[in-house]
PDB file of N, CA and C in Angstrom:
ATOM      1  N   MET A   1      14.570  16.232  -5.395  1.00  0.00           N
ATOM      2  CA  MET A   1      14.056  15.273  -4.438  1.00  0.00           C
ATOM      3  C   MET A   1      15.205  14.378  -3.966  1.00  0.00           C
ATOM      4  N   ASP A   2      15.217  14.125  -2.705  1.00  0.00           N
ATOM      5  CA  ASP A   2      16.209  13.246  -2.083  1.00  0.00           C
ATOM      6  C   ASP A   2      16.161  11.858  -2.735  1.00  0.00           C
ATOM      7  N   ASP A   3      17.321  11.269  -2.991  1.00  0.00           N
ATOM      8  CA  ASP A   3      17.400   9.958  -3.642  1.00  0.00           C
ATOM      9  C   ASP A   3      16.684   8.869  -2.849  1.00  0.00           C
ATOM     10  N   LYS A   4      16.788   8.923  -1.519  1.00  0.00           N
ATOM     11  CA  LYS A   4      16.125   7.913  -0.691  1.00  0.00           C
ATOM     12  C   LYS A   4      14.613   8.024  -0.815  1.00  0.00           C
ATOM     13  N   ILE A   5      14.116   9.236  -0.767  1.00  0.00           N
ATOM     14  CA  ILE A   5      12.671   9.428  -0.898  1.00  0.00           C
ATOM     15  C   ILE A   5      12.203   8.940  -2.260  1.00  0.00           C
ATOM     16  N   TYR A   6      12.949   9.266  -3.295  1.00  0.00           N
ATOM     17  CA  TYR A   6      12.608   8.811  -4.646  1.00  0.00           C
ATOM     18  C   TYR A   6      12.549   7.287  -4.697  1.00  0.00           C
ATOM     19  N   LYS A   7      13.525   6.621  -4.086  1.00  0.00           N
ATOM     20  CA  LYS A   7      13.549   5.159  -4.058  1.00  0.00           C
ATOM     21  C   LYS A   7      12.328   4.605  -3.332  1.00  0.00           C
ATOM     22  N   TYR A   8      11.951   5.221  -2.198  1.00  0.00           N
ATOM     23  CA  TYR A   8      10.789   4.747  -1.448  1.00  0.00           C
ATOM     24  C   TYR A   8       9.493   4.964  -2.240  1.00  0.00           C
ATOM     25  N   LEU A   9       9.422   6.071  -2.954  1.00  0.00           N
ATOM     26  CA  LEU A   9       8.258   6.300  -3.817  1.00  0.00           C
ATOM     27  C   LEU A   9       8.175   5.234  -4.909  1.00  0.00           C
ATOM     28  N   LEU A  10       9.319   4.875  -5.465  1.00  0.00           N
ATOM     29  CA  LEU A  10       9.338   3.805  -6.475  1.00  0.00           C
ATOM     30  C   LEU A  10       8.910   2.465  -5.863  1.00  0.00           C
ATOM     31  N   ASP A  11       9.333   2.207  -4.632  1.00  0.00           N
ATOM     32  CA  ASP A  11       8.925   0.979  -3.949  1.00  0.00           C
ATOM     33  C   ASP A  11       7.408   0.933  -3.774  1.00  0.00           C
ATOM     34  N   ILE A  12       6.834   2.059  -3.388  1.00  0.00           N
ATOM     35  CA  ILE A  12       5.373   2.132  -3.221  1.00  0.00           C
ATOM     36  C   ILE A  12       4.683   1.894  -4.556  1.00  0.00           C
ATOM     37  N   LYS A  13       5.187   2.557  -5.583  1.00  0.00           N
ATOM     38  CA  LYS A  13       4.609   2.389  -6.928  1.00  0.00           C
ATOM     39  C   LYS A  13       4.653   0.926  -7.360  1.00  0.00           C
ATOM     40  N   GLU A  14       5.788   0.279  -7.152  1.00  0.00           N
ATOM     41  CA  GLU A  14       5.937  -1.120  -7.534  1.00  0.00           C
ATOM     42  C   GLU A  14       4.969  -2.019  -6.755  1.00  0.00           C
ATOM     43  N   SER A  15       4.796  -1.752  -5.476  1.00  0.00           N
ATOM     44  CA  SER A  15       3.881  -2.564  -4.668  1.00  0.00           C
ATOM     45  C   SER A  15       2.433  -2.367  -5.101  1.00  0.00           C
ATOM     46  N   ILE A  16       2.060  -1.139  -5.424  1.00  0.00           N
ATOM     47  CA  ILE A  16       0.707  -0.883  -5.922  1.00  0.00           C
ATOM     48  C   ILE A  16       0.485  -1.641  -7.225  1.00  0.00           C
ATOM     49  N   GLU A  17       1.459  -1.570  -8.125  1.00  0.00           N
ATOM     50  CA  GLU A  17       1.343  -2.281  -9.399  1.00  0.00           C
ATOM     51  C   GLU A  17       1.279  -3.790  -9.183  1.00  0.00           C
ATOM     52  N   SER A  18       1.999  -4.288  -8.203  1.00  0.00           N
ATOM     53  CA  SER A  18       1.952  -5.718  -7.901  1.00  0.00           C
ATOM     54  C   SER A  18       0.568  -6.119  -7.411  1.00  0.00           C
ATOM     55  N   ILE A  19      -0.011  -5.329  -6.520  1.00  0.00           N
ATOM     56  CA  ILE A  19      -1.366  -5.624  -6.035  1.00  0.00           C
ATOM     57  C   ILE A  19      -2.338  -5.655  -7.207  1.00  0.00           C
ATOM     58  N   GLU A  20      -2.236  -4.677  -8.081  1.00  0.00           N
ATOM     59  CA  GLU A  20      -3.122  -4.638  -9.250  1.00  0.00           C
ATOM     60  C   GLU A  20      -2.927  -5.874 -10.121  1.00  0.00           C
ATOM     61  N   GLU A  21      -1.686  -6.286 -10.284  1.00  0.00           N
ATOM     62  CA  GLU A  21      -1.392  -7.470 -11.087  1.00  0.00           C
ATOM     63  C   GLU A  21      -1.948  -8.733 -10.430  1.00  0.00           C
ATOM     64  N   TYR A  22      -1.765  -8.865  -9.129  1.00  0.00           N
ATOM     65  CA  TYR A  22      -2.267 -10.038  -8.409  1.00  0.00           C
ATOM     66  C   TYR A  22      -3.781 -10.165  -8.547  1.00  0.00           C
ATOM     67  N   LEU A  23      -4.478  -9.033  -8.475  1.00  0.00           N
ATOM     68  CA  LEU A  23      -5.944  -9.057  -8.474  1.00  0.00           C
ATOM     69  C   LEU A  23      -6.534  -9.179  -9.870  1.00  0.00           C
ATOM     70  N   GLY A  24      -5.788  -8.749 -10.874  1.00  0.00           N
ATOM     71  CA  GLY A  24      -6.295  -8.794 -12.231  1.00  0.00           C
ATOM     72  C   GLY A  24      -7.424  -7.799 -12.434  1.00  0.00           C
ATOM     73  N   ASP A  25      -8.150  -7.964 -13.513  1.00  0.00           N
ATOM     74  CA  ASP A  25      -9.208  -7.025 -13.859  1.00  0.00           C
ATOM     75  C   ASP A  25     -10.525  -7.319 -13.154  1.00  0.00           C
ATOM     76  N   GLU A  26     -10.713  -8.541 -12.700  1.00  0.00           N
ATOM     77  CA  GLU A  26     -11.999  -8.936 -12.121  1.00  0.00           C
ATOM     78  C   GLU A  26     -12.276  -8.282 -10.780  1.00  0.00           C
ATOM     79  N   ARG A  27     -11.278  -8.215  -9.936  1.00  0.00           N
ATOM     80  CA  ARG A  27     -11.431  -7.615  -8.610  1.00  0.00           C
ATOM     81  C   ARG A  27     -12.648  -8.183  -7.876  1.00  0.00           C
ATOM     82  N   ASP A  28     -12.631  -9.463  -7.645  1.00  0.00           N
ATOM     83  CA  ASP A  28     -13.742 -10.156  -6.992  1.00  0.00           C
ATOM     84  C   ASP A  28     -13.380 -10.440  -5.534  1.00  0.00           C
ATOM     85  N   PHE A  29     -14.115  -9.827  -4.612  1.00  0.00           N
ATOM     86  CA  PHE A  29     -13.843  -9.982  -3.187  1.00  0.00           C
ATOM     87  C   PHE A  29     -13.965 -11.443  -2.747  1.00  0.00           C
ATOM     88  N   ASN A  30     -14.922 -12.161  -3.286  1.00  0.00           N
ATOM     89  CA  ASN A  30     -15.094 -13.568  -2.898  1.00  0.00           C
ATOM     90  C   ASN A  30     -13.906 -14.426  -3.332  1.00  0.00           C
ATOM     91  N   LEU A  31     -13.373 -14.153  -4.488  1.00  0.00           N
ATOM     92  CA  LEU A  31     -12.164 -14.869  -4.927  1.00  0.00           C
ATOM     93  C   LEU A  31     -10.984 -14.510  -4.036  1.00  0.00           C
ATOM     94  N   TYR A  32     -10.914 -13.256  -3.651  1.00  0.00           N
ATOM     95  CA  TYR A  32      -9.865 -12.796  -2.745  1.00  0.00           C
ATOM     96  C   TYR A  32      -9.949 -13.549  -1.423  1.00  0.00           C
ATOM     97  N   LEU A  33     -11.151 -13.660  -0.878  1.00  0.00           N
ATOM     98  CA  LEU A  33     -11.335 -14.356   0.398  1.00  0.00           C
ATOM     99  C   LEU A  33     -10.944 -15.826   0.324  1.00  0.00           C
ATOM    100  N   LYS A  34     -11.182 -16.450  -0.798  1.00  0.00           N
ATOM    101  CA  LYS A  34     -10.929 -17.883  -0.953  1.00  0.00           C
ATOM    102  C   LYS A  34      -9.461 -18.222  -1.210  1.00  0.00           C
ATOM    103  N   ASN A  35      -8.673 -17.224  -1.549  1.00  0.00           N
ATOM    104  CA  ASN A  35      -7.300 -17.485  -1.970  1.00  0.00           C
ATOM    105  C   ASN A  35      -6.310 -16.949  -0.924  1.00  0.00           C
ATOM    106  N   LYS A  36      -5.893 -17.832  -0.034  1.00  0.00           N
ATOM    107  CA  LYS A  36      -4.988 -17.435   1.043  1.00  0.00           C
ATOM    108  C   LYS A  36      -3.669 -16.872   0.508  1.00  0.00           C
ATOM    109  N   MET A  37      -3.128 -17.484  -0.527  1.00  0.00           N
ATOM    110  CA  MET A  37      -1.861 -17.011  -1.082  1.00  0.00           C
ATOM    111  C   MET A  37      -2.010 -15.590  -1.635  1.00  0.00           C
ATOM    112  N   LEU A  38      -3.118 -15.313  -2.285  1.00  0.00           N
ATOM    113  CA  LEU A  38      -3.380 -13.968  -2.797  1.00  0.00           C
ATOM    114  C   LEU A  38      -3.487 -12.967  -1.648  1.00  0.00           C
ATOM    115  N   ARG A  39      -4.237 -13.326  -0.611  1.00  0.00           N
ATOM    116  CA  ARG A  39      -4.373 -12.424   0.535  1.00  0.00           C
ATOM    117  C   ARG A  39      -3.023 -12.131   1.165  1.00  0.00           C
ATOM    118  N   ARG A  40      -2.208 -13.158   1.348  1.00  0.00           N
ATOM    119  CA  ARG A  40      -0.889 -12.962   1.959  1.00  0.00           C
ATOM    120  C   ARG A  40       0.008 -12.100   1.072  1.00  0.00           C
ATOM    121  N   ALA A  41      -0.080 -12.296  -0.234  1.00  0.00           N
ATOM    122  CA  ALA A  41       0.728 -11.491  -1.157  1.00  0.00           C
ATOM    123  C   ALA A  41       0.320 -10.020  -1.083  1.00  0.00           C
ATOM    124  N   VAL A  42      -0.978  -9.763  -1.056  1.00  0.00           N
ATOM    125  CA  VAL A  42      -1.468  -8.388  -0.967  1.00  0.00           C
ATOM    126  C   VAL A  42      -1.056  -7.776   0.366  1.00  0.00           C
ATOM    127  N   GLU A  43      -1.187  -8.539   1.440  1.00  0.00           N
ATOM    128  CA  GLU A  43      -0.776  -8.038   2.761  1.00  0.00           C
ATOM    129  C   GLU A  43       0.708  -7.681   2.765  1.00  0.00           C
ATOM    130  N   ARG A  44       1.520  -8.502   2.145  1.00  0.00           N
ATOM    131  CA  ARG A  44       2.954  -8.221   2.083  1.00  0.00           C
ATOM    132  C   ARG A  44       3.221  -6.915   1.345  1.00  0.00           C
ATOM    133  N   GLU A  45       2.514  -6.695   0.252  1.00  0.00           N
ATOM    134  CA  GLU A  45       2.693  -5.445  -0.501  1.00  0.00           C
ATOM    135  C   GLU A  45       2.271  -4.242   0.347  1.00  0.00           C
ATOM    136  N   PHE A  46       1.222  -4.408   1.154  1.00  0.00           N
ATOM    137  CA  PHE A  46       0.829  -3.321   2.049  1.00  0.00           C
ATOM    138  C   PHE A  46       1.881  -3.082   3.129  1.00  0.00           C
ATOM    139  N   GLU A  47       2.551  -4.130   3.555  1.00  0.00           N
ATOM    140  CA  GLU A  47       3.662  -3.959   4.501  1.00  0.00           C
ATOM    141  C   GLU A  47       4.756  -3.090   3.874  1.00  0.00           C
ATOM    142  N   ILE A  48       5.090  -3.387   2.632  1.00  0.00           N
ATOM    143  CA  ILE A  48       6.128  -2.629   1.925  1.00  0.00           C
ATOM    144  C   ILE A  48       5.691  -1.184   1.740  1.00  0.00           C
ATOM    145  N   ILE A  49       4.458  -0.977   1.319  1.00  0.00           N
ATOM    146  CA  ILE A  49       3.939   0.375   1.125  1.00  0.00           C
ATOM    147  C   ILE A  49       4.013   1.156   2.438  1.00  0.00           C
ATOM    148  N   GLY A  50       3.561   0.532   3.508  1.00  0.00           N
ATOM    149  CA  GLY A  50       3.560   1.215   4.806  1.00  0.00           C
ATOM    150  C   GLY A  50       4.943   1.506   5.331  1.00  0.00           C
ATOM    151  N   GLU A  51       5.862   0.570   5.143  1.00  0.00           N
ATOM    152  CA  GLU A  51       7.232   0.795   5.614  1.00  0.00           C
ATOM    153  C   GLU A  51       7.909   1.893   4.800  1.00  0.00           C
ATOM    154  N   ALA A  52       7.712   1.882   3.492  1.00  0.00           N
ATOM    155  CA  ALA A  52       8.286   2.939   2.650  1.00  0.00           C
ATOM    156  C   ALA A  52       7.696   4.297   3.028  1.00  0.00           C
ATOM    157  N   MET A  53       6.393   4.322   3.301  1.00  0.00           N
ATOM    158  CA  MET A  53       5.748   5.572   3.704  1.00  0.00           C
ATOM    159  C   MET A  53       6.290   6.044   5.050  1.00  0.00           C
ATOM    160  N   ASN A  54       6.517   5.122   5.956  1.00  0.00           N
ATOM    161  CA  ASN A  54       7.080   5.449   7.260  1.00  0.00           C
ATOM    162  C   ASN A  54       8.478   6.066   7.107  1.00  0.00           C
ATOM    163  N   ARG A  55       9.274   5.512   6.226  1.00  0.00           N
ATOM    164  CA  ARG A  55      10.618   6.026   6.000  1.00  0.00           C
ATOM    165  C   ARG A  55      10.584   7.410   5.346  1.00  0.00           C
ATOM    166  N   ILE A  56       9.655   7.588   4.414  1.00  0.00           N
ATOM    167  CA  ILE A  56       9.495   8.910   3.801  1.00  0.00           C
ATOM    168  C   ILE A  56       9.108   9.920   4.870  1.00  0.00           C
ATOM    169  N   ASP A  57       8.178   9.540   5.727  1.00  0.00           N
ATOM    170  CA  ASP A  57       7.717  10.430   6.786  1.00  0.00           C
ATOM    171  C   ASP A  57       8.849  10.773   7.752  1.00  0.00           C
ATOM    172  N   SER A  58       9.715   9.828   8.023  1.00  0.00           N
ATOM    173  CA  SER A  58      10.858  10.083   8.909  1.00  0.00           C
ATOM    174  C   SER A  58      11.860  11.046   8.284  1.00  0.00           C
ATOM    175  N   LEU A  59      12.072  10.893   6.994  1.00  0.00           N
ATOM    176  CA  LEU A  59      13.041  11.752   6.297  1.00  0.00           C
ATOM    177  C   LEU A  59      12.495  13.146   6.027  1.00  0.00           C
ATOM    178  N   SER A  60      11.205  13.195   5.708  1.00  0.00           N
ATOM    179  CA  SER A  60      10.611  14.475   5.313  1.00  0.00           C
ATOM    180  C   SER A  60       9.132  14.501   5.689  1.00  0.00           C
ATOM    181  N   PRO A  61       8.834  14.803   6.956  1.00  0.00           N
ATOM    182  CA  PRO A  61       7.442  14.790   7.417  1.00  0.00           C
ATOM    183  C   PRO A  61       6.539  15.796   6.714  1.00  0.00           C
ATOM    184  N   ASP A  62       7.134  16.772   6.038  1.00  0.00           N
ATOM    185  CA  ASP A  62       6.339  17.791   5.355  1.00  0.00           C
ATOM    186  C   ASP A  62       5.770  17.308   4.018  1.00  0.00           C
ATOM    187  N   ILE A  63       6.202  16.160   3.538  1.00  0.00           N
ATOM    188  CA  ILE A  63       5.665  15.636   2.283  1.00  0.00           C
ATOM    189  C   ILE A  63       4.210  15.270   2.505  1.00  0.00           C
ATOM    190  N   SER A  64       3.359  15.833   1.680  1.00  0.00           N
ATOM    191  CA  SER A  64       1.927  15.653   1.832  1.00  0.00           C
ATOM    192  C   SER A  64       1.430  14.511   0.950  1.00  0.00           C
ATOM    193  N   ILE A  65       1.020  13.453   1.598  1.00  0.00           N
ATOM    194  CA  ILE A  65       0.368  12.333   0.924  1.00  0.00           C
ATOM    195  C   ILE A  65      -0.862  12.010   1.760  1.00  0.00           C
ATOM    196  N   SER A  66      -2.032  12.040   1.103  1.00  0.00           N
ATOM    197  CA  SER A  66      -3.252  11.806   1.861  1.00  0.00           C
ATOM    198  C   SER A  66      -3.214  10.417   2.486  1.00  0.00           C
ATOM    199  N   SER A  67      -3.771  10.333   3.645  1.00  0.00           N
ATOM    200  CA  SER A  67      -3.862   9.060   4.379  1.00  0.00           C
ATOM    201  C   SER A  67      -2.500   8.488   4.761  1.00  0.00           C
ATOM    202  N   LYS A  68      -1.478   9.331   4.835  1.00  0.00           N
ATOM    203  CA  LYS A  68      -0.130   8.857   5.175  1.00  0.00           C
ATOM    204  C   LYS A  68      -0.127   8.107   6.503  1.00  0.00           C
ATOM    205  N   LYS A  69      -0.732   8.673   7.500  1.00  0.00           N
ATOM    206  CA  LYS A  69      -0.743   8.041   8.829  1.00  0.00           C
ATOM    207  C   LYS A  69      -1.551   6.744   8.817  1.00  0.00           C
ATOM    208  N   GLN A  70      -2.656   6.722   8.066  1.00  0.00           N
ATOM    209  CA  GLN A  70      -3.471   5.510   7.974  1.00  0.00           C
ATOM    210  C   GLN A  70      -2.718   4.387   7.260  1.00  0.00           C
ATOM    211  N   ILE A  71      -1.932   4.753   6.257  1.00  0.00           N
ATOM    212  CA  ILE A  71      -1.143   3.755   5.526  1.00  0.00           C
ATOM    213  C   ILE A  71      -0.111   3.135   6.459  1.00  0.00           C
ATOM    214  N   ILE A  72       0.567   3.962   7.224  1.00  0.00           N
ATOM    215  CA  ILE A  72       1.559   3.459   8.175  1.00  0.00           C
ATOM    216  C   ILE A  72       0.885   2.607   9.236  1.00  0.00           C
ATOM    217  N   SER A  73      -0.274   3.044   9.695  1.00  0.00           N
ATOM    218  CA  SER A  73      -1.030   2.296  10.702  1.00  0.00           C
ATOM    219  C   SER A  73      -1.475   0.927  10.168  1.00  0.00           C
ATOM    220  N   MET A  74      -1.880   0.885   8.903  1.00  0.00           N
ATOM    221  CA  MET A  74      -2.291  -0.385   8.310  1.00  0.00           C
ATOM    222  C   MET A  74      -1.108  -1.349   8.263  1.00  0.00           C
ATOM    223  N   ARG A  75       0.057  -0.846   7.914  1.00  0.00           N
ATOM    224  CA  ARG A  75       1.260  -1.675   7.898  1.00  0.00           C
ATOM    225  C   ARG A  75       1.489  -2.282   9.272  1.00  0.00           C
ATOM    226  N   ASN A  76       1.361  -1.471  10.297  1.00  0.00           N
ATOM    227  CA  ASN A  76       1.566  -1.963  11.658  1.00  0.00           C
ATOM    228  C   ASN A  76       0.541  -3.034  12.037  1.00  0.00           C
ATOM    229  N   ARG A  77      -0.713  -2.824  11.622  1.00  0.00           N
ATOM    230  CA  ARG A  77      -1.748  -3.830  11.913  1.00  0.00           C
ATOM    231  C   ARG A  77      -1.460  -5.149  11.203  1.00  0.00           C
ATOM    232  N   VAL A  78      -1.039  -5.060   9.951  1.00  0.00           N
ATOM    233  CA  VAL A  78      -0.767  -6.282   9.182  1.00  0.00           C
ATOM    234  C   VAL A  78       0.407  -7.046   9.791  1.00  0.00           C
ATOM    235  N   ILE A  79       1.446  -6.326  10.196  1.00  0.00           N
ATOM    236  CA  ILE A  79       2.632  -6.981  10.746  1.00  0.00           C
ATOM    237  C   ILE A  79       2.405  -7.473  12.170  1.00  0.00           C
ATOM    238  N   HIS A  80       1.916  -6.607  13.026  1.00  0.00           N
ATOM    239  CA  HIS A  80       1.830  -6.945  14.445  1.00  0.00           C
ATOM    240  C   HIS A  80       0.516  -7.612  14.825  1.00  0.00           C
ATOM    241  N   GLY A  81      -0.517  -7.389  14.029  1.00  0.00           N
ATOM    242  CA  GLY A  81      -1.806  -8.003  14.330  1.00  0.00           C
ATOM    243  C   GLY A  81      -2.211  -8.960  13.228  1.00  0.00           C
ATOM    244  N   TYR A  82      -1.226  -9.720  12.741  1.00  0.00           N
ATOM    245  CA  TYR A  82      -1.453 -10.610  11.602  1.00  0.00           C
ATOM    246  C   TYR A  82      -2.665 -11.522  11.800  1.00  0.00           C
ATOM    247  N   ASP A  83      -2.946 -11.874  13.047  1.00  0.00           N
ATOM    248  CA  ASP A  83      -4.059 -12.777  13.323  1.00  0.00           C
ATOM    249  C   ASP A  83      -5.391 -12.042  13.407  1.00  0.00           C
ATOM    250  N   LYS A  84      -5.355 -10.724  13.251  1.00  0.00           N
ATOM    251  CA  LYS A  84      -6.574  -9.926  13.337  1.00  0.00           C
ATOM    252  C   LYS A  84      -6.782  -9.072  12.092  1.00  0.00           C
ATOM    253  N   VAL A  85      -6.163  -9.441  10.994  1.00  0.00           N
ATOM    254  CA  VAL A  85      -6.316  -8.681   9.754  1.00  0.00           C
ATOM    255  C   VAL A  85      -7.752  -8.833   9.276  1.00  0.00           C
ATOM    256  N   ASP A  86      -8.395  -7.712   9.041  1.00  0.00           N
ATOM    257  CA  ASP A  86      -9.774  -7.697   8.557  1.00  0.00           C
ATOM    258  C   ASP A  86      -9.753  -7.617   7.037  1.00  0.00           C
ATOM    259  N   ASN A  87     -10.147  -8.702   6.392  1.00  0.00           N
ATOM    260  CA  ASN A  87     -10.103  -8.750   4.933  1.00  0.00           C
ATOM    261  C   ASN A  87     -11.001  -7.692   4.293  1.00  0.00           C
ATOM    262  N   GLY A  88     -12.082  -7.345   4.950  1.00  0.00           N
ATOM    263  CA  GLY A  88     -12.963  -6.296   4.439  1.00  0.00           C
ATOM    264  C   GLY A  88     -12.283  -4.942   4.415  1.00  0.00           C
ATOM    265  N   ILE A  89     -11.495  -4.653   5.451  1.00  0.00           N
ATOM    266  CA  ILE A  89     -10.762  -3.389   5.499  1.00  0.00           C
ATOM    267  C   ILE A  89      -9.680  -3.367   4.431  1.00  0.00           C
ATOM    268  N   VAL A  90      -8.975  -4.481   4.279  1.00  0.00           N
ATOM    269  CA  VAL A  90      -7.943  -4.555   3.239  1.00  0.00           C
ATOM    270  C   VAL A  90      -8.578  -4.341   1.872  1.00  0.00           C
ATOM    271  N   TRP A  91      -9.693  -5.020   1.623  1.00  0.00           N
ATOM    272  CA  TRP A  91     -10.368  -4.893   0.335  1.00  0.00           C
ATOM    273  C   TRP A  91     -10.861  -3.462   0.113  1.00  0.00           C
ATOM    274  N   GLY A  92     -11.434  -2.864   1.135  1.00  0.00           N
ATOM    275  CA  GLY A  92     -11.889  -1.479   1.028  1.00  0.00           C
ATOM    276  C   GLY A  92     -10.750  -0.534   0.717  1.00  0.00           C
ATOM    277  N   THR A  93      -9.607  -0.794   1.299  1.00  0.00           N
ATOM    278  CA  THR A  93      -8.418   0.021   1.030  1.00  0.00           C
ATOM    279  C   THR A  93      -7.997  -0.129  -0.424  1.00  0.00           C
ATOM    280  N   ILE A  94      -8.045  -1.346  -0.924  1.00  0.00           N
ATOM    281  CA  ILE A  94      -7.688  -1.599  -2.327  1.00  0.00           C
ATOM    282  C   ILE A  94      -8.615  -0.826  -3.260  1.00  0.00           C
ATOM    283  N   VAL A  95      -9.892  -0.897  -2.992  1.00  0.00           N
ATOM    284  CA  VAL A  95     -10.885  -0.307  -3.886  1.00  0.00           C
ATOM    285  C   VAL A  95     -10.933   1.219  -3.778  1.00  0.00           C
ATOM    286  N   ARG A  96     -10.908   1.733  -2.543  1.00  0.00           N
ATOM    287  CA  ARG A  96     -11.121   3.168  -2.342  1.00  0.00           C
ATOM    288  C   ARG A  96      -9.848   3.996  -2.337  1.00  0.00           C
ATOM    289  N   TYR A  97      -8.806   3.509  -1.685  1.00  0.00           N
ATOM    290  CA  TYR A  97      -7.658   4.362  -1.409  1.00  0.00           C
ATOM    291  C   TYR A  97      -6.429   4.081  -2.272  1.00  0.00           C
ATOM    292  N   LEU A  98      -6.294   2.858  -2.751  1.00  0.00           N
ATOM    293  CA  LEU A  98      -5.116   2.544  -3.557  1.00  0.00           C
ATOM    294  C   LEU A  98      -5.059   3.357  -4.852  1.00  0.00           C
ATOM    295  N   PRO A  99      -6.184   3.560  -5.552  1.00  0.00           N
ATOM    296  CA  PRO A  99      -6.118   4.395  -6.765  1.00  0.00           C
ATOM    297  C   PRO A  99      -5.686   5.833  -6.467  1.00  0.00           C
ATOM    298  N   VAL A 100      -6.128   6.382  -5.349  1.00  0.00           N
ATOM    299  CA  VAL A 100      -5.742   7.742  -4.960  1.00  0.00           C
ATOM    300  C   VAL A 100      -4.247   7.786  -4.664  1.00  0.00           C
ATOM    301  N   LEU A 101      -3.780   6.800  -3.887  1.00  0.00           N
ATOM    302  CA  LEU A 101      -2.363   6.738  -3.558  1.00  0.00           C
ATOM    303  C   LEU A 101      -1.524   6.581  -4.825  1.00  0.00           C
ATOM    304  N   LYS A 102      -1.978   5.748  -5.722  1.00  0.00           N
ATOM    305  CA  LYS A 102      -1.248   5.542  -6.981  1.00  0.00           C
ATOM    306  C   LYS A 102      -1.080   6.868  -7.734  1.00  0.00           C
ATOM    307  N   ASN A 103      -2.145   7.644  -7.823  1.00  0.00           N
ATOM    308  CA  ASN A 103      -2.072   8.938  -8.508  1.00  0.00           C
ATOM    309  C   ASN A 103      -1.120   9.892  -7.798  1.00  0.00           C
ATOM    310  N   GLU A 104      -1.194   9.925  -6.474  1.00  0.00           N
ATOM    311  CA  GLU A 104      -0.312  10.813  -5.719  1.00  0.00           C
ATOM    312  C   GLU A 104       1.156  10.426  -5.890  1.00  0.00           C
ATOM    313  N   ILE A 105       1.430   9.135  -5.855  1.00  0.00           N
ATOM    314  CA  ILE A 105       2.819   8.668  -6.012  1.00  0.00           C
ATOM    315  C   ILE A 105       3.322   8.983  -7.414  1.00  0.00           C
ATOM    316  N   ASN A 106       2.500   8.710  -8.419  1.00  0.00           N
ATOM    317  CA  ASN A 106       2.894   9.017  -9.799  1.00  0.00           C
ATOM    318  C   ASN A 106       3.148  10.497  -9.976  1.00  0.00           C
ATOM    319  N   ASP A 107       2.306  11.339  -9.375  1.00  0.00           N
ATOM    320  CA  ASP A 107       2.517  12.785  -9.458  1.00  0.00           C
ATOM    321  C   ASP A 107       3.835  13.190  -8.790  1.00  0.00           C
ATOM    322  N   ARG A 108       4.141  12.601  -7.642  1.00  0.00           N
ATOM    323  CA  ARG A 108       5.391  12.917  -6.934  1.00  0.00           C
ATOM    324  C   ARG A 108       6.605  12.480  -7.755  1.00  0.00           C
ATOM    325  N   LEU A 109       6.503  11.357  -8.428  1.00  0.00           N
ATOM    326  CA  LEU A 109       7.629  10.845  -9.209  1.00  0.00           C
ATOM    327  C   LEU A 109       7.890  11.706 -10.448  1.00  0.00           C
ATOM    328  N   LYS A 110       6.884  12.427 -10.898  1.00  0.00           N
ATOM    329  CA  LYS A 110       7.045  13.298 -12.060  1.00  0.00           C
ATOM    330  C   LYS A 110       7.818  14.568 -11.719  1.00  0.00           C
ATOM    331  N   THR A 111       7.771  14.967 -10.439  1.00  0.00           N
ATOM    332  CA  THR A 111       8.426  16.228 -10.055  1.00  0.00           C
ATOM    333  C   THR A 111       9.864  16.032  -9.703  1.00  0.00           C
TER     334      THR A 111
END
């Protein structure tokens, strides 16, 4: 595996772990909504995940990661549409798609 791709995969892994750490075990959407600093921290981690995914896609578009285009698109929405970030969509991504992405990244790092 290319060293740059490996580094970007590690960046994604670190950002996923950071989101998990920020949220703790409770994962309460109402607490998330009430805590602006938490929301901004999670959004920043999604920016990193999306940018790293974008760079991986540029270097090697054949790498198969589910929802790759959606992840990159979310990064763009968070950065360019910061005033229109839908907290429900972010939360849904955390609950539904982040665990899948985490498994895929961990599997890629093993190879």
